[in-house]
PDB file of N, CA and C in Angstrom:
ATOM      1  N   UNK A   1       0.751  -1.464   0.021  1.00  0.00           N
ATOM      2  CA  UNK A   1       0.176  -0.015   0.154  1.00  0.00           C
ATOM      3  C   UNK A   1       0.891   1.464   0.133  1.00  0.00           C
ATOM      4  N   UNK A   2       0.701   2.013  -0.896  1.00  0.00           N
ATOM      5  CA  UNK A   2       1.451   3.287  -0.625  1.00  0.00           C
ATOM      6  C   UNK A   2       0.704   4.640  -1.221  1.00  0.00           C
ATOM      7  N   UNK A   3       0.427   5.619  -0.076  1.00  0.00           N
ATOM      8  CA  UNK A   3      -0.327   6.889  -0.382  1.00  0.00           C
ATOM      9  C   UNK A   3       0.573   7.854  -1.120  1.00  0.00           C
ATOM     10  N   UNK A   4       0.015   8.517  -2.142  1.00  0.00           N
ATOM     11  CA  UNK A   4       0.488  10.072  -2.806  1.00  0.00           C
ATOM     12  C   UNK A   4       1.445   9.138  -3.380  1.00  0.00           C
ATOM     13  N   UNK A   5       1.815  10.118  -4.324  1.00  0.00           N
ATOM     14  CA  UNK A   5       3.065   9.675  -5.263  1.00  0.00           C
ATOM     15  C   UNK A   5       4.444  10.840  -4.564  1.00  0.00           C
ATOM     16  N   UNK A   6       5.119   9.490  -3.638  1.00  0.00           N
ATOM     17  CA  UNK A   6       5.830  10.133  -3.068  1.00  0.00           C
ATOM     18  C   UNK A   6       7.423   9.878  -3.835  1.00  0.00           C
ATOM     19  N   UNK A   7       7.349   9.980  -5.220  1.00  0.00           N
ATOM     20  CA  UNK A   7       8.691   9.517  -6.120  1.00  0.00           C
ATOM     21  C   UNK A   7       8.989  10.846  -6.149  1.00  0.00           C
ATOM     22  N   UNK A   8       8.554  12.197  -5.529  1.00  0.00           N
ATOM     23  CA  UNK A   8       9.531  13.423  -5.819  1.00  0.00           C
ATOM     24  C   UNK A   8       9.994  13.997  -4.543  1.00  0.00           C
ATOM     25  N   UNK A   9       9.242  13.205  -3.645  1.00  0.00           N
ATOM     26  CA  UNK A   9      10.083  13.811  -1.937  1.00  0.00           C
ATOM     27  C   UNK A   9      11.405  13.808  -1.697  1.00  0.00           C
ATOM     28  N   UNK A  10      11.913  14.812  -1.630  1.00  0.00           N
ATOM     29  CA  UNK A  10      13.198  14.862  -1.044  1.00  0.00           C
ATOM     30  C   UNK A  10      13.382  14.629   0.743  1.00  0.00           C
ATOM     31  N   UNK A  11      13.301  13.875   1.373  1.00  0.00           N
ATOM     32  CA  UNK A  11      13.464  14.110   2.631  1.00  0.00           C
ATOM     33  C   UNK A  11      14.731  15.075   3.016  1.00  0.00           C
ATOM     34  N   UNK A  12      14.524  15.718   4.117  1.00  0.00           N
ATOM     35  CA  UNK A  12      15.665  16.210   4.567  1.00  0.00           C
ATOM     36  C   UNK A  12      16.216  15.615   5.631  1.00  0.00           C
ATOM     37  N   UNK A  13      15.359  14.451   6.261  1.00  0.00           N
ATOM     38  CA  UNK A  13      16.326  13.899   7.182  1.00  0.00           C
ATOM     39  C   UNK A  13      15.701  12.428   7.371  1.00  0.00           C
ATOM     40  N   UNK A  14      16.770  11.529   6.759  1.00  0.00           N
ATOM     41  CA  UNK A  14      16.196   9.707   6.870  1.00  0.00           C
ATOM     42  C   UNK A  14      16.325   9.643   8.230  1.00  0.00           C
ATOM     43  N   UNK A  15      15.594   8.409   8.936  1.00  0.00           N
ATOM     44  CA  UNK A  15      15.550   7.832  10.727  1.00  0.00           C
ATOM     45  C   UNK A  15      15.208   6.578  10.266  1.00  0.00           C
ATOM     46  N   UNK A  16      16.140   5.519   9.999  1.00  0.00           N
ATOM     47  CA  UNK A  16      15.915   4.374  10.485  1.00  0.00           C
ATOM     48  C   UNK A  16      15.565   3.999  11.880  1.00  0.00           C
ATOM     49  N   UNK A  17      14.488   3.457  12.100  1.00  0.00           N
ATOM     50  CA  UNK A  17      14.117   2.007  13.280  1.00  0.00           C
ATOM     51  C   UNK A  17      13.966   0.666  13.299  1.00  0.00           C
ATOM     52  N   UNK A  18      14.175   0.461  12.586  1.00  0.00           N
ATOM     53  CA  UNK A  18      14.213  -0.604  11.830  1.00  0.00           C
ATOM     54  C   UNK A  18      15.007  -2.014  13.286  1.00  0.00           C
ATOM     55  N   UNK A  19      13.697  -2.620  13.720  1.00  0.00           N
ATOM     56  CA  UNK A  19      13.705  -3.733  14.698  1.00  0.00           C
ATOM     57  C   UNK A  19      13.512  -2.773  15.959  1.00  0.00           C
ATOM     58  N   UNK A  20      13.113  -1.794  15.948  1.00  0.00           N
ATOM     59  CA  UNK A  20      12.558  -1.265  17.118  1.00  0.00           C
ATOM     60  C   UNK A  20      10.575  -1.792  17.021  1.00  0.00           C
ATOM     61  N   UNK A  21       9.950  -1.391  18.856  1.00  0.00           N
ATOM     62  CA  UNK A  21       9.017  -1.631  18.605  1.00  0.00           C
ATOM     63  C   UNK A  21       8.397  -0.409  19.564  1.00  0.00           C
ATOM     64  N   UNK A  22       7.441  -0.446  19.394  1.00  0.00           N
ATOM     65  CA  UNK A  22       6.343   0.806  20.015  1.00  0.00           C
ATOM     66  C   UNK A  22       7.035   0.982  21.583  1.00  0.00           C
ATOM     67  N   UNK A  23       6.857   2.375  21.953  1.00  0.00           N
ATOM     68  CA  UNK A  23       6.725   3.133  21.437  1.00  0.00           C
ATOM     69  C   UNK A  23       8.036   4.221  20.905  1.00  0.00           C
ATOM     70  N   UNK A  24       9.162   2.826  20.572  1.00  0.00           N
ATOM     71  CA  UNK A  24      10.420   3.741  20.120  1.00  0.00           C
ATOM     72  C   UNK A  24      10.518   4.691  18.756  1.00  0.00           C
ATOM     73  N   UNK A  25       9.359   3.987  17.551  1.00  0.00           N
ATOM     74  CA  UNK A  25       9.766   4.570  16.676  1.00  0.00           C
ATOM     75  C   UNK A  25       8.977   5.510  16.498  1.00  0.00           C
ATOM     76  N   UNK A  26       8.085   5.876  17.699  1.00  0.00           N
ATOM     77  CA  UNK A  26       7.569   7.386  17.266  1.00  0.00           C
ATOM     78  C   UNK A  26       8.011   8.342  18.351  1.00  0.00           C
ATOM     79  N   UNK A  27       8.796   7.785  19.450  1.00  0.00           N
ATOM     80  CA  UNK A  27       9.719   8.452  20.461  1.00  0.00           C
ATOM     81  C   UNK A  27      11.070   8.985  19.440  1.00  0.00           C
ATOM     82  N   UNK A  28      11.735   8.432  18.793  1.00  0.00           N
ATOM     83  CA  UNK A  28      13.085   8.565  18.222  1.00  0.00           C
ATOM     84  C   UNK A  28      12.432   9.387  17.283  1.00  0.00           C
ATOM     85  N   UNK A  29      11.273   9.792  16.119  1.00  0.00           N
ATOM     86  CA  UNK A  29      10.553  10.291  15.216  1.00  0.00           C
ATOM     87  C   UNK A  29      10.240  11.556  16.051  1.00  0.00           C
ATOM     88  N   UNK A  30       9.769  11.834  17.077  1.00  0.00           N
ATOM     89  CA  UNK A  30       9.552  13.265  17.458  1.00  0.00           C
ATOM     90  C   UNK A  30      11.095  14.105  17.997  1.00  0.00           C
ATOM     91  N   UNK A  31      11.498  12.827  18.480  1.00  0.00           N
ATOM     92  CA  UNK A  31      13.156  13.536  18.620  1.00  0.00           C
ATOM     93  C   UNK A  31      13.711  14.393  17.185  1.00  0.00           C
ATOM     94  N   UNK A  32      13.597  13.737  15.774  1.00  0.00           N
ATOM     95  CA  UNK A  32      13.957  14.284  15.150  1.00  0.00           C
ATOM     96  C   UNK A  32      13.452  15.592  14.327  1.00  0.00           C
ATOM     97  N   UNK A  33      12.277  15.526  14.372  1.00  0.00           N
ATOM     98  CA  UNK A  33      11.072  16.329  13.934  1.00  0.00           C
ATOM     99  C   UNK A  33      11.664  17.776  15.160  1.00  0.00           C
ATOM    100  N   UNK A  34      12.012  17.371  16.081  1.00  0.00           N
ATOM    101  CA  UNK A  34      12.156  18.587  16.990  1.00  0.00           C
ATOM    102  C   UNK A  34      13.478  19.388  16.682  1.00  0.00           C
ATOM    103  N   UNK A  35      14.514  18.876  16.023  1.00  0.00           N
ATOM    104  CA  UNK A  35      15.189  19.740  15.821  1.00  0.00           C
ATOM    105  C   UNK A  35      15.344  20.150  14.183  1.00  0.00           C
ATOM    106  N   UNK A  36      14.126  19.835  13.235  1.00  0.00           N
ATOM    107  CA  UNK A  36      14.136  20.211  11.942  1.00  0.00           C
ATOM    108  C   UNK A  36      13.222  21.302  11.969  1.00  0.00           C
ATOM    109  N   UNK A  37      13.066  22.143  10.662  1.00  0.00           N
ATOM    110  CA  UNK A  37      12.160  23.491  10.343  1.00  0.00           C
ATOM    111  C   UNK A  37      11.082  23.104   9.988  1.00  0.00           C
ATOM    112  N   UNK A  38      10.127  23.823  10.107  1.00  0.00           N
ATOM    113  CA  UNK A  38       8.721  23.727   9.805  1.00  0.00           C
ATOM    114  C   UNK A  38       8.817  23.558   8.164  1.00  0.00           C
ATOM    115  N   UNK A  39       8.115  22.440   7.355  1.00  0.00           N
ATOM    116  CA  UNK A  39       8.303  22.578   5.922  1.00  0.00           C
ATOM    117  C   UNK A  39       9.350  21.328   5.685  1.00  0.00           C
ATOM    118  N   UNK A  40       9.986  21.148   6.259  1.00  0.00           N
ATOM    119  CA  UNK A  40      11.073  19.765   6.009  1.00  0.00           C
ATOM    120  C   UNK A  40      10.992  18.061   6.106  1.00  0.00           C
ATOM    121  N   UNK A  41      11.005  17.119   5.461  1.00  0.00           N
ATOM    122  CA  UNK A  41      10.300  15.976   5.563  1.00  0.00           C
ATOM    123  C   UNK A  41      11.438  15.467   5.840  1.00  0.00           C
ATOM    124  N   UNK A  42      10.976  14.494   7.057  1.00  0.00           N
ATOM    125  CA  UNK A  42      11.359  13.270   7.914  1.00  0.00           C
ATOM    126  C   UNK A  42      10.914  11.921   7.205  1.00  0.00           C
ATOM    127  N   UNK A  43      11.872  11.267   6.600  1.00  0.00           N
ATOM    128  CA  UNK A  43      11.659   9.961   5.725  1.00  0.00           C
ATOM    129  C   UNK A  43      11.996   8.962   7.214  1.00  0.00           C
ATOM    130  N   UNK A  44      10.778   8.475   7.546  1.00  0.00           N
ATOM    131  CA  UNK A  44      10.677   7.484   8.871  1.00  0.00           C
ATOM    132  C   UNK A  44      10.752   5.767   8.173  1.00  0.00           C
ATOM    133  N   UNK A  45      11.629   4.969   8.419  1.00  0.00           N
ATOM    134  CA  UNK A  45      11.753   3.484   8.139  1.00  0.00           C
ATOM    135  C   UNK A  45      11.089   2.902   9.575  1.00  0.00           C
ATOM    136  N   UNK A  46      10.274   1.778   9.141  1.00  0.00           N
ATOM    137  CA  UNK A  46       9.932   1.094  10.831  1.00  0.00           C
ATOM    138  C   UNK A  46       9.087  -0.208   9.784  1.00  0.00           C
ATOM    139  N   UNK A  47      10.168  -1.254  11.035  1.00  0.00           N
ATOM    140  CA  UNK A  47       9.793  -2.719  10.991  1.00  0.00           C
ATOM    141  C   UNK A  47       8.719  -2.983  11.855  1.00  0.00           C
ATOM    142  N   UNK A  48       8.340  -2.330  12.736  1.00  0.00           N
ATOM    143  CA  UNK A  48       6.833  -2.379  13.383  1.00  0.00           C
ATOM    144  C   UNK A  48       5.909  -2.354  12.883  1.00  0.00           C
ATOM    145  N   UNK A  49       5.366  -3.442  13.033  1.00  0.00           N
ATOM    146  CA  UNK A  49       3.668  -3.379  12.025  1.00  0.00           C
ATOM    147  C   UNK A  49       2.774  -2.336  12.815  1.00  0.00           C
ATOM    148  N   UNK A  50       2.470  -2.098  14.293  1.00  0.00           N
ATOM    149  CA  UNK A  50       1.778  -0.939  14.778  1.00  0.00           C
ATOM    150  C   UNK A  50       1.921   0.446  14.079  1.00  0.00           C
ATOM    151  N   UNK A  51       3.477   0.506  13.911  1.00  0.00           N
ATOM    152  CA  UNK A  51       3.651   2.161  13.112  1.00  0.00           C
ATOM    153  C   UNK A  51       2.662   2.451  12.578  1.00  0.00           C
ATOM    154  N   UNK A  52       2.195   1.187  11.491  1.00  0.00           N
ATOM    155  CA  UNK A  52       0.677   1.907  10.722  1.00  0.00           C
ATOM    156  C   UNK A  52      -0.491   2.521  11.220  1.00  0.00           C
ATOM    157  N   UNK A  53      -0.492   2.309  12.471  1.00  0.00           N
ATOM    158  CA  UNK A  53      -2.044   3.051  13.302  1.00  0.00           C
ATOM    159  C   UNK A  53      -0.893   4.398  14.045  1.00  0.00           C
ATOM    160  N   UNK A  54       0.329   3.662  14.689  1.00  0.00           N
ATOM    161  CA  UNK A  54       0.686   4.924  15.480  1.00  0.00           C
ATOM    162  C   UNK A  54       1.376   5.904  14.952  1.00  0.00           C
ATOM    163  N   UNK A  55       2.059   5.670  13.872  1.00  0.00           N
ATOM    164  CA  UNK A  55       2.843   7.007  12.824  1.00  0.00           C
ATOM    165  C   UNK A  55       1.568   8.009  12.161  1.00  0.00           C
ATOM    166  N   UNK A  56       0.599   7.574  11.869  1.00  0.00           N
ATOM    167  CA  UNK A  56      -0.610   8.732  11.395  1.00  0.00           C
ATOM    168  C   UNK A  56      -1.123   9.389  12.471  1.00  0.00           C
ATOM    169  N   UNK A  57      -1.374   8.414  13.577  1.00  0.00           N
ATOM    170  CA  UNK A  57      -2.151   9.350  14.617  1.00  0.00           C
ATOM    171  C   UNK A  57      -0.984  10.042  15.525  1.00  0.00           C
ATOM    172  N   UNK A  58       0.101   9.830  15.462  1.00  0.00           N
ATOM    173  CA  UNK A  58       1.151  10.666  15.892  1.00  0.00           C
ATOM    174  C   UNK A  58       1.338  11.938  14.987  1.00  0.00           C
ATOM    175  N   UNK A  59       1.224  11.782  13.743  1.00  0.00           N
ATOM    176  CA  UNK A  59       1.283  13.185  12.980  1.00  0.00           C
ATOM    177  C   UNK A  59       0.325  14.239  13.644  1.00  0.00           C
ATOM    178  N   UNK A  60      -0.900  13.748  12.942  1.00  0.00           N
ATOM    179  CA  UNK A  60      -1.850  13.997  13.450  1.00  0.00           C
ATOM    180  C   UNK A  60      -2.273  15.481  14.715  1.00  0.00           C
ATOM    181  N   UNK A  61      -1.291  13.989  16.257  1.00  0.00           N
ATOM    182  CA  UNK A  61      -1.570  15.396  17.303  1.00  0.00           C
ATOM    183  C   UNK A  61      -0.625  16.335  17.364  1.00  0.00           C
ATOM    184  N   UNK A  62       0.587  15.858  16.538  1.00  0.00           N
ATOM    185  CA  UNK A  62       1.795  16.800  16.670  1.00  0.00           C
ATOM    186  C   UNK A  62       1.370  18.407  15.954  1.00  0.00           C
ATOM    187  N   UNK A  63       0.147  17.945  14.728  1.00  0.00           N
ATOM    188  CA  UNK A  63       0.295  18.979  13.434  1.00  0.00           C
ATOM    189  C   UNK A  63       0.952  18.932  12.417  1.00  0.00           C
ATOM    190  N   UNK A  64       1.543  17.515  12.040  1.00  0.00           N
ATOM    191  CA  UNK A  64       2.526  17.491  11.311  1.00  0.00           C
ATOM    192  C   UNK A  64       1.495  16.662  10.048  1.00  0.00           C
ATOM    193  N   UNK A  65       2.418  16.783   8.887  1.00  0.00           N
ATOM    194  CA  UNK A  65       1.108  16.025   7.660  1.00  0.00           C
ATOM    195  C   UNK A  65       2.213  14.995   6.898  1.00  0.00           C
ATOM    196  N   UNK A  66       1.297  13.638   7.479  1.00  0.00           N
ATOM    197  CA  UNK A  66       2.124  12.416   6.734  1.00  0.00           C
ATOM    198  C   UNK A  66       1.740  12.663   5.323  1.00  0.00           C
ATOM    199  N   UNK A  67       2.952  12.688   4.197  1.00  0.00           N
ATOM    200  CA  UNK A  67       3.026  12.955   2.510  1.00  0.00           C
ATOM    201  C   UNK A  67       2.535  11.883   2.264  1.00  0.00           C
ATOM    202  N   UNK A  68       3.380  10.579   2.298  1.00  0.00           N
ATOM    203  CA  UNK A  68       2.959   9.469   1.986  1.00  0.00           C
ATOM    204  C   UNK A  68       3.466   8.134   3.264  1.00  0.00           C
ATOM    205  N   UNK A  69       3.055   6.717   2.039  1.00  0.00           N
ATOM    206  CA  UNK A  69       3.576   5.861   3.246  1.00  0.00           C
ATOM    207  C   UNK A  69       3.383   4.728   2.393  1.00  0.00           C
ATOM    208  N   UNK A  70       4.609   3.749   2.734  1.00  0.00           N
ATOM    209  CA  UNK A  70       4.535   2.837   1.872  1.00  0.00           C
ATOM    210  C   UNK A  70       4.701   1.639   2.691  1.00  0.00           C
ATOM    211  N   UNK A  71       3.692   0.479   2.394  1.00  0.00           N
ATOM    212  CA  UNK A  71       3.620  -0.532   3.645  1.00  0.00           C
ATOM    213  C   UNK A  71       4.167  -1.552   2.606  1.00  0.00           C
ATOM    214  N   UNK A  72       5.549  -2.245   2.840  1.00  0.00           N
ATOM    215  CA  UNK A  72       6.347  -3.019   2.044  1.00  0.00           C
ATOM    216  C   UNK A  72       6.233  -4.430   2.771  1.00  0.00           C
ATOM    217  N   UNK A  73       4.625  -4.499   3.691  1.00  0.00           N
ATOM    218  CA  UNK A  73       4.759  -6.198   4.345  1.00  0.00           C
ATOM    219  C   UNK A  73       5.877  -6.000   5.862  1.00  0.00           C
ATOM    220  N   UNK A  74       7.091  -6.493   5.647  1.00  0.00           N
ATOM    221  CA  UNK A  74       7.974  -6.342   6.503  1.00  0.00           C
ATOM    222  C   UNK A  74       7.960  -4.827   7.410  1.00  0.00           C
ATOM    223  N   UNK A  75       8.715  -4.009   6.252  1.00  0.00           N
ATOM    224  CA  UNK A  75       8.724  -2.631   6.415  1.00  0.00           C
ATOM    225  C   UNK A  75       7.945  -1.423   5.793  1.00  0.00           C
ATOM    226  N   UNK A  76       7.565  -0.495   6.588  1.00  0.00           N
ATOM    227  CA  UNK A  76       6.500   0.304   6.684  1.00  0.00           C
ATOM    228  C   UNK A  76       7.841   1.387   6.390  1.00  0.00           C
ATOM    229  N   UNK A  77       7.644   2.431   5.547  1.00  0.00           N
ATOM    230  CA  UNK A  77       8.519   3.770   5.172  1.00  0.00           C
ATOM    231  C   UNK A  77       7.140   4.898   5.114  1.00  0.00           C
ATOM    232  N   UNK A  78       7.345   6.077   6.141  1.00  0.00           N
ATOM    233  CA  UNK A  78       6.691   7.254   5.909  1.00  0.00           C
ATOM    234  C   UNK A  78       7.356   8.482   5.896  1.00  0.00           C
ATOM    235  N   UNK A  79       7.068   9.214   4.858  1.00  0.00           N
ATOM    236  CA  UNK A  79       7.387  10.603   4.820  1.00  0.00           C
ATOM    237  C   UNK A  79       6.744  11.782   5.703  1.00  0.00           C
ATOM    238  N   UNK A  80       7.108  12.084   6.516  1.00  0.00           N
ATOM    239  CA  UNK A  80       6.418  13.273   7.365  1.00  0.00           C
ATOM    240  C   UNK A  80       6.794  14.697   7.207  1.00  0.00           C
ATOM    241  N   UNK A  81       5.695  15.568   6.755  1.00  0.00           N
ATOM    242  CA  UNK A  81       6.128  17.357   6.695  1.00  0.00           C
ATOM    243  C   UNK A  81       6.369  17.639   7.874  1.00  0.00           C
ATOM    244  N   UNK A  82       7.585  18.438   8.655  1.00  0.00           N
ATOM    245  CA  UNK A  82       6.879  18.852   9.917  1.00  0.00           C
ATOM    246  C   UNK A  82       5.802  20.211   9.644  1.00  0.00           C
ATOM    247  N   UNK A  83       4.965  20.145  10.383  1.00  0.00           N
ATOM    248  CA  UNK A  83       4.221  21.269  10.490  1.00  0.00           C
ATOM    249  C   UNK A  83       4.391  22.401  11.570  1.00  0.00           C
ATOM    250  N   UNK A  84       3.208  23.421  11.979  1.00  0.00           N
ATOM    251  CA  UNK A  84       3.710  24.067  12.837  1.00  0.00           C
ATOM    252  C   UNK A  84       3.482  23.790  14.284  1.00  0.00           C
ATOM    253  N   UNK A  85       2.958  22.650  14.327  1.00  0.00           N
ATOM    254  CA  UNK A  85       2.697  22.398  15.751  1.00  0.00           C
ATOM    255  C   UNK A  85       4.098  22.028  16.609  1.00  0.00           C
ATOM    256  N   UNK A  86       3.945  21.503  17.533  1.00  0.00           N
ATOM    257  CA  UNK A  86       4.866  21.247  18.838  1.00  0.00           C
ATOM    258  C   UNK A  86       6.223  21.291  17.738  1.00  0.00           C
TER     259      UNK A  86
END
């Protein structure tokens, strides 16, 4: 499953949380986004299947925009644009 066309997305930062389980991917994404500027894109790589629910909820709560998701089964890639939230 892929949302939106992410082929033209150029991430500002890439965070690989492969092998980590909830809540660590969300926690590490929050730390990474905290140091980024509004409008910059974080590419987040996860292997925790729970991330498919956790990351979209996380971005909504923070006021960020989930640009795209690529669910490859054993791996999920999220592109998150930092918003004006926290």
